[in-house]
């Protein structure tokens, strides 16, 4: 279901997270996180780096970002970009993530099946261009858990919104909820989300 990615470490100083809030008051609730920060680039450049509507583009982006994706596949492409709307997309994806094994190598990798939506819209109030990326896990009958591969199926919901603050600077606002599944402390969901935010 995809190719094993080669990893290459690259500097990550481009992502400046200025605020992280973790809410774990209720043991039965999933860890919820919000963060905001800035990226030194233009909005269009950031969106070109986020949008990956094919396995080939995902492979290229992953090799440069140094993220924790170990394997992946685009299961379905429901909506794709056009020349007039180059960032619009709606894809169903499968991904194996190794962030959790950084904390404890004996833990199994997690895999996720999720719907990803990307695009740029215009705010009605100020007429400003706003970029977005939304990931939301789905239970798919045709994408069952791969327990035979020692993978544990997790669930994730991530909302990211991007706004051009000034020339060369983009503001990032995000919220995430992660369920890693298995016998893993809820706090490790926060760790995995922080790893994702900094990739």
N, C-alpha and C. Protein backbone atom coordinates (compact mmCIF):
# COMPACT_ATOMS: atom_id res chain seq x y z
N UNK A 1 0.84 -1.21 0.00
CA UNK A 1 0.00 0.00 0.00
C UNK A 1 0.87 1.24 0.00
N UNK A 2 1.75 1.37 -0.92
CA UNK A 2 2.62 2.53 -0.90
C UNK A 2 4.05 2.08 -0.75
N UNK A 3 4.96 3.01 -0.88
CA UNK A 3 6.38 2.68 -0.81
C UNK A 3 6.96 3.17 0.51
N UNK A 4 7.94 2.43 1.01
CA UNK A 4 8.63 2.84 2.20
C UNK A 4 9.48 4.05 1.86
N UNK A 5 9.35 5.10 2.67
CA UNK A 5 10.04 6.35 2.37
C UNK A 5 11.43 6.37 2.96
N UNK A 6 12.36 6.93 2.23
CA UNK A 6 13.67 7.18 2.79
C UNK A 6 13.61 8.49 3.57
N UNK A 7 14.29 8.51 4.72
CA UNK A 7 14.25 9.69 5.59
C UNK A 7 15.48 10.55 5.33
N UNK A 8 15.31 11.86 5.40
CA UNK A 8 16.43 12.77 5.27
C UNK A 8 16.19 13.92 6.23
N UNK A 9 17.12 14.14 7.16
CA UNK A 9 16.94 15.20 8.14
C UNK A 9 17.19 16.55 7.48
N UNK A 10 16.31 17.48 7.72
CA UNK A 10 16.47 18.83 7.18
C UNK A 10 16.19 19.81 8.30
N UNK A 11 16.73 21.04 8.22
CA UNK A 11 16.44 22.03 9.25
C UNK A 11 14.95 22.31 9.34
N UNK A 12 14.47 22.53 10.58
CA UNK A 12 13.05 22.78 10.78
C UNK A 12 12.80 24.16 11.38
N UNK A 13 13.75 25.05 11.25
CA UNK A 13 13.62 26.37 11.87
C UNK A 13 12.56 27.23 11.21
N UNK A 14 12.04 26.80 10.06
CA UNK A 14 11.04 27.60 9.37
C UNK A 14 9.73 27.63 10.12
N UNK A 15 9.51 26.69 11.04
CA UNK A 15 8.23 26.62 11.75
C UNK A 15 8.43 27.15 13.16
N UNK A 16 7.84 28.26 13.47
CA UNK A 16 7.99 28.88 14.78
C UNK A 16 6.69 28.79 15.54
N UNK A 17 6.56 27.78 16.41
CA UNK A 17 5.35 27.63 17.20
C UNK A 17 5.45 28.54 18.42
N UNK A 18 4.47 29.43 18.58
CA UNK A 18 4.53 30.41 19.66
C UNK A 18 3.61 30.09 20.81
N UNK A 19 2.66 29.17 20.62
CA UNK A 19 1.74 28.87 21.71
C UNK A 19 1.19 27.46 21.53
N UNK A 20 1.29 26.66 22.58
CA UNK A 20 0.71 25.33 22.55
C UNK A 20 -0.12 25.15 23.81
N UNK A 21 -1.35 24.70 23.65
CA UNK A 21 -2.25 24.48 24.77
C UNK A 21 -2.72 23.03 24.74
N UNK A 22 -2.55 22.33 25.85
CA UNK A 22 -2.96 20.94 25.94
C UNK A 22 -4.07 20.82 26.96
N UNK A 23 -5.18 20.22 26.57
CA UNK A 23 -6.32 20.04 27.45
C UNK A 23 -6.53 18.56 27.70
N UNK A 24 -6.17 18.11 28.92
CA UNK A 24 -6.34 16.70 29.27
C UNK A 24 -7.03 16.57 30.63
N UNK A 25 -8.00 17.44 30.90
CA UNK A 25 -8.69 17.43 32.18
C UNK A 25 -9.53 16.17 32.35
N UNK A 26 -10.13 15.70 31.27
CA UNK A 26 -11.00 14.53 31.32
C UNK A 26 -10.24 13.33 30.77
N UNK A 27 -10.10 12.29 31.59
CA UNK A 27 -9.34 11.11 31.17
C UNK A 27 -10.01 10.41 30.00
N UNK A 28 -11.34 10.52 29.90
CA UNK A 28 -12.05 9.81 28.85
C UNK A 28 -12.04 10.58 27.53
N UNK A 29 -11.63 11.82 27.56
CA UNK A 29 -11.62 12.62 26.35
C UNK A 29 -10.27 12.52 25.66
N UNK A 30 -10.29 12.70 24.35
CA UNK A 30 -9.04 12.71 23.60
C UNK A 30 -8.27 13.98 23.91
N UNK A 31 -6.92 13.90 23.90
CA UNK A 31 -6.13 15.11 24.07
C UNK A 31 -6.45 16.12 22.97
N UNK A 32 -6.72 17.35 23.38
CA UNK A 32 -6.99 18.42 22.41
C UNK A 32 -5.86 19.43 22.50
N UNK A 33 -5.39 19.84 21.35
CA UNK A 33 -4.30 20.81 21.31
C UNK A 33 -4.64 21.94 20.36
N UNK A 34 -4.20 23.13 20.74
CA UNK A 34 -4.26 24.26 19.82
C UNK A 34 -2.86 24.87 19.78
N UNK A 35 -2.48 25.37 18.63
CA UNK A 35 -1.21 26.07 18.53
C UNK A 35 -1.28 27.13 17.45
N UNK A 36 -0.39 28.09 17.58
CA UNK A 36 -0.29 29.12 16.56
C UNK A 36 1.17 29.51 16.45
N UNK A 37 1.51 30.04 15.30
CA UNK A 37 2.89 30.43 15.07
C UNK A 37 3.01 31.11 13.72
N UNK A 38 4.22 31.24 13.26
CA UNK A 38 4.45 31.88 11.97
C UNK A 38 5.41 31.05 11.13
N UNK A 39 5.28 31.19 9.83
CA UNK A 39 6.17 30.55 8.88
C UNK A 39 6.70 31.64 7.97
N UNK A 40 8.00 31.63 7.73
CA UNK A 40 8.61 32.66 6.89
C UNK A 40 8.49 32.25 5.42
N UNK A 41 7.41 32.69 4.80
CA UNK A 41 7.18 32.40 3.39
C UNK A 41 5.94 33.17 2.94
N UNK A 42 5.56 32.96 1.70
CA UNK A 42 4.31 33.52 1.20
C UNK A 42 3.23 32.45 1.29
N UNK A 43 1.97 32.88 1.37
CA UNK A 43 0.86 31.94 1.53
C UNK A 43 0.84 30.90 0.40
N UNK A 44 1.01 31.34 -0.83
CA UNK A 44 0.98 30.41 -1.95
C UNK A 44 2.09 29.37 -1.85
N UNK A 45 3.29 29.80 -1.42
CA UNK A 45 4.40 28.86 -1.28
C UNK A 45 4.08 27.81 -0.23
N UNK A 46 3.50 28.24 0.90
CA UNK A 46 3.14 27.30 1.95
C UNK A 46 2.11 26.29 1.45
N UNK A 47 1.11 26.77 0.71
CA UNK A 47 0.07 25.88 0.22
C UNK A 47 0.62 24.89 -0.80
N UNK A 48 1.54 25.34 -1.65
CA UNK A 48 2.16 24.41 -2.60
C UNK A 48 2.90 23.30 -1.87
N UNK A 49 3.48 23.62 -0.70
CA UNK A 49 4.19 22.62 0.09
C UNK A 49 3.27 21.66 0.81
N UNK A 50 2.04 22.09 1.08
CA UNK A 50 1.08 21.25 1.81
C UNK A 50 0.31 20.33 0.87
N UNK A 51 -0.12 20.86 -0.25
CA UNK A 51 -0.98 20.10 -1.15
C UNK A 51 -0.22 18.93 -1.77
N UNK A 52 -0.74 17.73 -1.58
CA UNK A 52 -0.14 16.53 -2.18
C UNK A 52 -1.28 15.61 -2.60
N UNK A 53 -1.64 15.67 -3.85
CA UNK A 53 -2.81 14.95 -4.36
C UNK A 53 -2.45 13.65 -5.06
N UNK A 54 -1.18 13.25 -4.97
CA UNK A 54 -0.75 11.98 -5.56
C UNK A 54 0.37 11.39 -4.71
N UNK A 55 0.62 10.10 -4.87
CA UNK A 55 1.69 9.46 -4.12
C UNK A 55 3.05 10.05 -4.46
N UNK A 56 3.25 10.40 -5.72
CA UNK A 56 4.54 10.95 -6.14
C UNK A 56 4.83 12.27 -5.43
N UNK A 57 3.84 13.16 -5.36
CA UNK A 57 4.03 14.45 -4.69
C UNK A 57 4.23 14.24 -3.20
N UNK A 58 3.48 13.32 -2.60
CA UNK A 58 3.64 13.03 -1.17
C UNK A 58 5.05 12.54 -0.88
N UNK A 59 5.58 11.68 -1.74
CA UNK A 59 6.93 11.16 -1.57
C UNK A 59 7.96 12.28 -1.61
N UNK A 60 7.80 13.19 -2.55
CA UNK A 60 8.74 14.31 -2.67
C UNK A 60 8.65 15.22 -1.45
N UNK A 61 7.43 15.59 -1.05
CA UNK A 61 7.25 16.47 0.11
C UNK A 61 7.82 15.85 1.38
N UNK A 62 7.60 14.55 1.56
CA UNK A 62 8.08 13.88 2.77
C UNK A 62 9.59 13.81 2.82
N UNK A 63 10.23 13.61 1.69
CA UNK A 63 11.68 13.52 1.66
C UNK A 63 12.34 14.85 2.03
N UNK A 64 11.66 15.96 1.74
CA UNK A 64 12.23 17.27 2.05
C UNK A 64 11.85 17.76 3.44
N UNK A 65 10.68 17.39 3.93
CA UNK A 65 10.22 17.92 5.22
C UNK A 65 10.78 17.15 6.40
N UNK A 66 11.27 15.92 6.19
CA UNK A 66 11.81 15.14 7.29
C UNK A 66 10.73 14.75 8.29
N UNK A 67 9.50 14.50 7.82
CA UNK A 67 8.42 14.16 8.74
C UNK A 67 8.49 12.68 9.14
N UNK A 68 7.48 12.24 9.89
CA UNK A 68 7.49 10.89 10.44
C UNK A 68 6.67 9.89 9.62
N UNK A 69 6.35 10.24 8.39
CA UNK A 69 5.59 9.32 7.54
C UNK A 69 6.52 8.22 7.04
N UNK A 70 6.15 6.97 7.32
CA UNK A 70 6.96 5.83 6.90
C UNK A 70 6.40 5.14 5.66
N UNK A 71 5.10 5.20 5.47
CA UNK A 71 4.47 4.60 4.31
C UNK A 71 3.15 5.32 4.07
N UNK A 72 2.62 5.24 2.86
CA UNK A 72 1.42 6.02 2.55
C UNK A 72 0.80 5.52 1.26
N UNK A 73 -0.44 5.94 1.05
CA UNK A 73 -1.11 5.68 -0.23
C UNK A 73 -2.29 6.64 -0.34
N UNK A 74 -2.50 7.16 -1.54
CA UNK A 74 -3.70 7.93 -1.83
C UNK A 74 -4.76 6.93 -2.28
N UNK A 75 -5.77 6.71 -1.43
CA UNK A 75 -6.77 5.68 -1.71
C UNK A 75 -7.81 6.15 -2.72
N UNK A 76 -8.12 7.44 -2.69
CA UNK A 76 -9.10 7.99 -3.64
C UNK A 76 -8.91 9.49 -3.73
N UNK A 77 -9.07 10.02 -4.93
CA UNK A 77 -9.01 11.46 -5.14
C UNK A 77 -10.40 11.92 -5.57
N UNK A 78 -11.12 12.54 -4.63
CA UNK A 78 -12.51 12.91 -4.87
C UNK A 78 -12.64 14.23 -5.60
N UNK A 79 -11.77 15.18 -5.27
CA UNK A 79 -11.73 16.47 -5.96
C UNK A 79 -10.28 16.86 -6.13
N UNK A 80 -9.94 17.41 -7.28
CA UNK A 80 -8.55 17.77 -7.55
C UNK A 80 -8.43 19.23 -7.95
N UNK A 81 -7.19 19.70 -7.93
CA UNK A 81 -6.92 21.10 -8.25
C UNK A 81 -7.12 21.36 -9.74
N UNK A 82 -7.29 22.64 -10.05
CA UNK A 82 -7.41 23.11 -11.43
C UNK A 82 -6.46 24.28 -11.60
N UNK A 83 -6.15 24.67 -12.83
CA UNK A 83 -5.28 25.83 -13.02
C UNK A 83 -5.79 27.09 -12.33
N UNK A 84 -7.10 27.26 -12.27
CA UNK A 84 -7.65 28.45 -11.62
C UNK A 84 -7.78 28.29 -10.11
N UNK A 85 -7.70 27.06 -9.61
CA UNK A 85 -7.81 26.79 -8.17
C UNK A 85 -6.79 25.71 -7.81
N UNK A 86 -5.49 26.07 -7.80
CA UNK A 86 -4.42 25.07 -7.71
C UNK A 86 -4.28 24.38 -6.36
N UNK A 87 -4.93 24.90 -5.32
CA UNK A 87 -4.77 24.32 -3.99
C UNK A 87 -5.98 23.52 -3.53
N UNK A 88 -7.01 23.48 -4.34
CA UNK A 88 -8.24 22.78 -3.96
C UNK A 88 -8.06 21.28 -4.10
N UNK A 89 -8.44 20.54 -3.06
CA UNK A 89 -8.33 19.10 -3.14
C UNK A 89 -9.12 18.41 -2.05
N UNK A 90 -9.56 17.20 -2.34
CA UNK A 90 -10.25 16.35 -1.37
C UNK A 90 -9.82 14.91 -1.65
N UNK A 91 -8.94 14.39 -0.79
CA UNK A 91 -8.37 13.07 -1.01
C UNK A 91 -8.58 12.17 0.21
N UNK A 92 -8.75 10.88 -0.06
CA UNK A 92 -8.79 9.86 0.99
C UNK A 92 -7.41 9.22 1.04
N UNK A 93 -6.79 9.23 2.23
CA UNK A 93 -5.40 8.79 2.33
C UNK A 93 -5.20 7.76 3.44
N UNK A 94 -4.16 6.97 3.28
CA UNK A 94 -3.69 6.03 4.30
C UNK A 94 -2.24 6.35 4.59
N UNK A 95 -1.86 6.33 5.88
CA UNK A 95 -0.51 6.74 6.26
C UNK A 95 -0.04 5.94 7.47
N UNK A 96 1.24 5.58 7.45
CA UNK A 96 1.89 4.98 8.61
C UNK A 96 2.82 6.03 9.20
N UNK A 97 2.66 6.30 10.51
CA UNK A 97 3.43 7.35 11.18
C UNK A 97 4.26 6.75 12.30
N UNK A 98 5.52 7.18 12.40
CA UNK A 98 6.44 6.61 13.38
C UNK A 98 6.76 7.54 14.53
N UNK A 99 6.00 8.64 14.69
CA UNK A 99 6.31 9.62 15.73
C UNK A 99 6.32 8.99 17.12
N UNK A 100 5.41 8.06 17.37
CA UNK A 100 5.30 7.47 18.71
C UNK A 100 6.53 6.67 19.09
N UNK A 101 7.17 6.03 18.13
CA UNK A 101 8.34 5.21 18.43
C UNK A 101 9.54 6.04 18.85
N UNK A 102 9.50 7.35 18.62
CA UNK A 102 10.58 8.22 19.10
C UNK A 102 10.59 8.25 20.62
N UNK A 103 9.40 8.21 21.22
CA UNK A 103 9.30 8.24 22.68
C UNK A 103 9.61 6.88 23.29
N UNK A 104 9.16 5.81 22.65
CA UNK A 104 9.37 4.46 23.17
C UNK A 104 9.45 3.50 21.99
N UNK A 105 10.67 3.10 21.61
CA UNK A 105 10.85 2.29 20.40
C UNK A 105 10.07 0.98 20.38
N UNK A 106 9.69 0.43 21.56
CA UNK A 106 8.99 -0.85 21.55
C UNK A 106 7.53 -0.71 21.15
N UNK A 107 7.01 0.52 21.13
CA UNK A 107 5.62 0.71 20.70
C UNK A 107 5.51 0.55 19.19
N UNK A 108 4.37 0.06 18.75
CA UNK A 108 4.15 -0.16 17.33
C UNK A 108 3.86 1.16 16.61
N UNK A 109 4.17 1.16 15.31
CA UNK A 109 3.77 2.29 14.47
C UNK A 109 2.25 2.38 14.45
N UNK A 110 1.77 3.60 14.20
CA UNK A 110 0.33 3.82 14.03
C UNK A 110 0.04 4.09 12.57
N UNK A 111 -1.10 3.59 12.10
CA UNK A 111 -1.54 3.97 10.77
C UNK A 111 -2.89 4.67 10.88
N UNK A 112 -3.18 5.49 9.88
CA UNK A 112 -4.37 6.32 9.88
C UNK A 112 -5.01 6.29 8.50
N UNK A 113 -6.32 6.27 8.46
CA UNK A 113 -7.08 6.46 7.23
C UNK A 113 -7.89 7.73 7.43
N UNK A 114 -7.68 8.71 6.56
CA UNK A 114 -8.33 10.01 6.79
C UNK A 114 -8.67 10.70 5.47
N UNK A 115 -9.61 11.61 5.59
CA UNK A 115 -9.99 12.48 4.47
C UNK A 115 -9.25 13.80 4.65
N UNK A 116 -8.61 14.27 3.60
CA UNK A 116 -7.86 15.53 3.66
C UNK A 116 -8.46 16.53 2.67
N UNK A 117 -8.78 17.72 3.19
CA UNK A 117 -9.29 18.80 2.35
C UNK A 117 -8.32 19.97 2.42
N UNK A 118 -8.00 20.54 1.27
CA UNK A 118 -7.11 21.70 1.22
C UNK A 118 -7.70 22.74 0.27
N UNK A 119 -7.28 23.98 0.46
CA UNK A 119 -7.73 25.03 -0.45
C UNK A 119 -7.48 26.41 0.11
N UNK A 120 -7.88 27.39 -0.65
CA UNK A 120 -7.83 28.79 -0.24
C UNK A 120 -9.21 29.39 -0.44
N UNK A 121 -9.70 30.07 0.58
CA UNK A 121 -10.97 30.76 0.49
C UNK A 121 -10.75 32.24 0.81
N UNK A 122 -11.77 33.04 0.65
CA UNK A 122 -11.66 34.47 0.92
C UNK A 122 -12.63 34.84 2.03
N UNK A 123 -12.13 35.51 3.07
CA UNK A 123 -12.99 35.90 4.19
C UNK A 123 -13.97 36.97 3.73
N UNK A 124 -15.22 36.83 4.15
CA UNK A 124 -16.26 37.78 3.73
C UNK A 124 -16.08 39.14 4.39
N UNK A 125 -15.48 39.16 5.58
CA UNK A 125 -15.34 40.42 6.31
C UNK A 125 -14.26 41.31 5.72
N UNK A 126 -13.05 40.78 5.61
CA UNK A 126 -11.92 41.59 5.17
C UNK A 126 -11.49 41.33 3.74
N UNK A 127 -12.08 40.31 3.11
CA UNK A 127 -11.69 39.98 1.75
C UNK A 127 -10.29 39.42 1.66
N UNK A 128 -9.81 38.84 2.76
CA UNK A 128 -8.45 38.31 2.81
C UNK A 128 -8.42 36.84 2.44
N UNK A 129 -7.37 36.43 1.73
CA UNK A 129 -7.22 35.03 1.35
C UNK A 129 -6.80 34.20 2.57
N UNK A 130 -7.51 33.09 2.80
CA UNK A 130 -7.24 32.21 3.93
C UNK A 130 -7.00 30.80 3.40
N UNK A 131 -5.85 30.24 3.71
CA UNK A 131 -5.56 28.86 3.33
C UNK A 131 -5.99 27.91 4.43
N UNK A 132 -6.29 26.68 4.06
CA UNK A 132 -6.71 25.70 5.07
C UNK A 132 -6.28 24.29 4.68
N UNK A 133 -6.12 23.48 5.72
CA UNK A 133 -5.89 22.04 5.57
C UNK A 133 -6.66 21.35 6.69
N UNK A 134 -7.52 20.41 6.34
CA UNK A 134 -8.34 19.68 7.31
C UNK A 134 -8.12 18.19 7.12
N UNK A 135 -7.78 17.49 8.20
CA UNK A 135 -7.64 16.04 8.19
C UNK A 135 -8.64 15.46 9.18
N UNK A 136 -9.37 14.44 8.76
CA UNK A 136 -10.34 13.80 9.66
C UNK A 136 -10.41 12.30 9.37
N UNK A 137 -10.14 11.50 10.41
CA UNK A 137 -10.13 10.05 10.25
C UNK A 137 -11.51 9.50 9.92
N UNK A 138 -11.51 8.43 9.13
CA UNK A 138 -12.74 7.74 8.76
C UNK A 138 -12.58 6.24 8.99
N UNK A 139 -13.67 5.58 9.32
CA UNK A 139 -13.68 4.12 9.39
C UNK A 139 -14.15 3.61 8.03
N UNK A 140 -13.25 2.93 7.33
CA UNK A 140 -13.53 2.45 5.98
C UNK A 140 -13.56 0.93 5.95
N UNK A 141 -14.66 0.37 5.48
CA UNK A 141 -14.78 -1.08 5.38
C UNK A 141 -13.74 -1.65 4.42
N UNK A 142 -13.39 -0.89 3.39
CA UNK A 142 -12.43 -1.36 2.39
C UNK A 142 -10.98 -1.07 2.77
N UNK A 143 -10.77 -0.48 3.96
CA UNK A 143 -9.42 -0.23 4.46
C UNK A 143 -9.34 -0.72 5.90
N UNK A 144 -9.38 -2.04 6.10
CA UNK A 144 -9.40 -2.60 7.45
C UNK A 144 -8.07 -2.40 8.17
N UNK A 145 -8.09 -2.61 9.49
CA UNK A 145 -6.87 -2.51 10.27
C UNK A 145 -5.88 -3.59 9.85
N UNK A 146 -4.59 -3.23 9.83
CA UNK A 146 -3.54 -4.13 9.35
C UNK A 146 -2.79 -4.72 10.54
N UNK A 147 -3.49 -5.44 11.38
CA UNK A 147 -2.88 -6.01 12.58
C UNK A 147 -1.79 -7.03 12.23
N UNK A 148 -1.91 -7.68 11.08
CA UNK A 148 -0.90 -8.65 10.67
C UNK A 148 0.44 -7.99 10.37
N UNK A 149 0.41 -6.69 10.15
CA UNK A 149 1.64 -5.91 9.91
C UNK A 149 2.12 -5.21 11.17
N UNK A 150 1.53 -5.56 12.32
CA UNK A 150 1.87 -4.96 13.61
C UNK A 150 1.64 -3.46 13.61
N UNK A 151 0.56 -3.04 12.96
CA UNK A 151 0.15 -1.64 12.95
C UNK A 151 -1.10 -1.49 13.81
N UNK A 152 -1.16 -0.39 14.55
CA UNK A 152 -2.34 -0.07 15.35
C UNK A 152 -3.02 1.13 14.71
N UNK A 153 -4.30 1.01 14.43
CA UNK A 153 -5.05 2.07 13.75
C UNK A 153 -5.37 3.20 14.74
N UNK A 154 -4.94 4.40 14.41
CA UNK A 154 -5.24 5.57 15.22
C UNK A 154 -6.26 6.44 14.52
N UNK A 155 -6.69 7.47 15.23
CA UNK A 155 -7.64 8.43 14.66
C UNK A 155 -7.12 9.84 14.93
N UNK A 156 -7.32 10.70 13.97
CA UNK A 156 -6.81 12.06 14.10
C UNK A 156 -7.77 13.04 13.43
N UNK A 157 -7.89 14.21 14.04
CA UNK A 157 -8.59 15.33 13.42
C UNK A 157 -7.71 16.56 13.59
N UNK A 158 -7.36 17.19 12.49
CA UNK A 158 -6.50 18.38 12.54
C UNK A 158 -7.10 19.46 11.64
N UNK A 159 -7.22 20.66 12.20
CA UNK A 159 -7.65 21.83 11.43
C UNK A 159 -6.49 22.82 11.42
N UNK A 160 -6.06 23.25 10.25
CA UNK A 160 -5.03 24.28 10.14
C UNK A 160 -5.51 25.39 9.22
N UNK A 161 -5.32 26.63 9.68
CA UNK A 161 -5.72 27.81 8.91
C UNK A 161 -4.50 28.70 8.77
N UNK A 162 -4.32 29.26 7.57
CA UNK A 162 -3.13 30.06 7.27
C UNK A 162 -3.54 31.43 6.73
N UNK A 163 -2.84 32.47 7.24
CA UNK A 163 -3.16 33.84 6.82
C UNK A 163 -1.87 34.61 6.59
N UNK A 164 -1.81 35.36 5.49
CA UNK A 164 -0.64 36.18 5.21
C UNK A 164 -0.63 37.36 6.17
N UNK A 165 0.28 37.33 7.14
CA UNK A 165 0.36 38.39 8.15
C UNK A 165 1.02 39.63 7.57
N UNK A 166 2.11 39.42 6.87
CA UNK A 166 2.84 40.50 6.21
C UNK A 166 3.67 39.86 5.10
N UNK A 167 4.33 40.66 4.32
CA UNK A 167 5.13 40.10 3.23
C UNK A 167 6.21 39.19 3.81
N UNK A 168 6.20 37.94 3.36
CA UNK A 168 7.19 36.99 3.82
C UNK A 168 6.86 36.28 5.13
N UNK A 169 5.70 36.55 5.70
CA UNK A 169 5.31 35.92 6.98
C UNK A 169 3.87 35.45 6.93
N UNK A 170 3.65 34.18 7.22
CA UNK A 170 2.31 33.59 7.25
C UNK A 170 2.00 33.14 8.68
N UNK A 171 0.82 33.52 9.18
CA UNK A 171 0.37 33.06 10.48
C UNK A 171 -0.30 31.70 10.34
N UNK A 172 -0.08 30.84 11.34
CA UNK A 172 -0.67 29.50 11.36
C UNK A 172 -1.50 29.35 12.62
N UNK A 173 -2.75 28.95 12.47
CA UNK A 173 -3.63 28.65 13.60
C UNK A 173 -4.11 27.21 13.43
N UNK A 174 -4.01 26.40 14.48
CA UNK A 174 -4.35 24.99 14.33
C UNK A 174 -4.96 24.40 15.59
N UNK A 175 -5.74 23.35 15.40
CA UNK A 175 -6.32 22.58 16.49
C UNK A 175 -6.29 21.12 16.09
N UNK A 176 -5.99 20.25 17.06
CA UNK A 176 -5.87 18.83 16.75
C UNK A 176 -6.39 17.96 17.89
N UNK A 177 -6.91 16.80 17.53
CA UNK A 177 -7.32 15.76 18.47
C UNK A 177 -6.78 14.44 17.94
N UNK A 178 -6.09 13.68 18.80
CA UNK A 178 -5.44 12.45 18.36
C UNK A 178 -5.80 11.30 19.29
N UNK A 179 -6.17 10.18 18.71
CA UNK A 179 -6.39 8.93 19.44
C UNK A 179 -5.43 7.90 18.86
N UNK A 180 -4.40 7.56 19.63
CA UNK A 180 -3.37 6.65 19.13
C UNK A 180 -3.76 5.19 19.21
N UNK A 181 -4.83 4.88 19.92
CA UNK A 181 -5.25 3.49 20.04
C UNK A 181 -4.27 2.67 20.86
N UNK A 182 -4.65 1.46 21.20
CA UNK A 182 -3.77 0.59 21.98
C UNK A 182 -3.62 1.08 23.42
N UNK A 183 -2.70 0.46 24.14
CA UNK A 183 -2.47 0.81 25.55
C UNK A 183 -1.38 1.87 25.65
N UNK A 184 -1.71 3.07 25.21
CA UNK A 184 -0.78 4.19 25.22
C UNK A 184 -1.38 5.31 26.04
N UNK A 185 -0.61 5.92 26.96
CA UNK A 185 -1.15 7.04 27.74
C UNK A 185 -1.66 8.16 26.85
N UNK A 186 -2.74 8.81 27.29
CA UNK A 186 -3.32 9.89 26.48
C UNK A 186 -2.32 11.00 26.21
N UNK A 187 -1.38 11.20 27.14
CA UNK A 187 -0.40 12.28 26.96
C UNK A 187 0.48 12.05 25.75
N UNK A 188 0.65 10.78 25.32
CA UNK A 188 1.47 10.52 24.15
C UNK A 188 0.80 10.99 22.88
N UNK A 189 -0.53 11.15 22.91
CA UNK A 189 -1.21 11.75 21.78
C UNK A 189 -0.75 13.18 21.58
N UNK A 190 -0.51 13.88 22.69
CA UNK A 190 0.00 15.25 22.61
C UNK A 190 1.40 15.26 22.02
N UNK A 191 2.23 14.31 22.45
CA UNK A 191 3.60 14.22 21.92
C UNK A 191 3.58 14.00 20.41
N UNK A 192 2.74 13.06 19.97
CA UNK A 192 2.67 12.75 18.54
C UNK A 192 2.18 13.94 17.75
N UNK A 193 1.24 14.70 18.32
CA UNK A 193 0.72 15.87 17.62
C UNK A 193 1.76 16.96 17.52
N UNK A 194 2.55 17.15 18.58
CA UNK A 194 3.63 18.14 18.54
C UNK A 194 4.65 17.76 17.47
N UNK A 195 4.97 16.47 17.38
CA UNK A 195 5.89 16.02 16.34
C UNK A 195 5.34 16.34 14.96
N UNK A 196 4.04 16.12 14.78
CA UNK A 196 3.43 16.42 13.48
C UNK A 196 3.46 17.91 13.20
N UNK A 197 3.24 18.72 14.23
CA UNK A 197 3.22 20.18 14.04
C UNK A 197 4.58 20.72 13.64
N UNK A 198 5.64 20.05 14.08
CA UNK A 198 6.98 20.54 13.80
C UNK A 198 7.62 19.86 12.60
N UNK A 199 6.85 19.06 11.88
CA UNK A 199 7.41 18.37 10.70
C UNK A 199 7.15 19.18 9.45
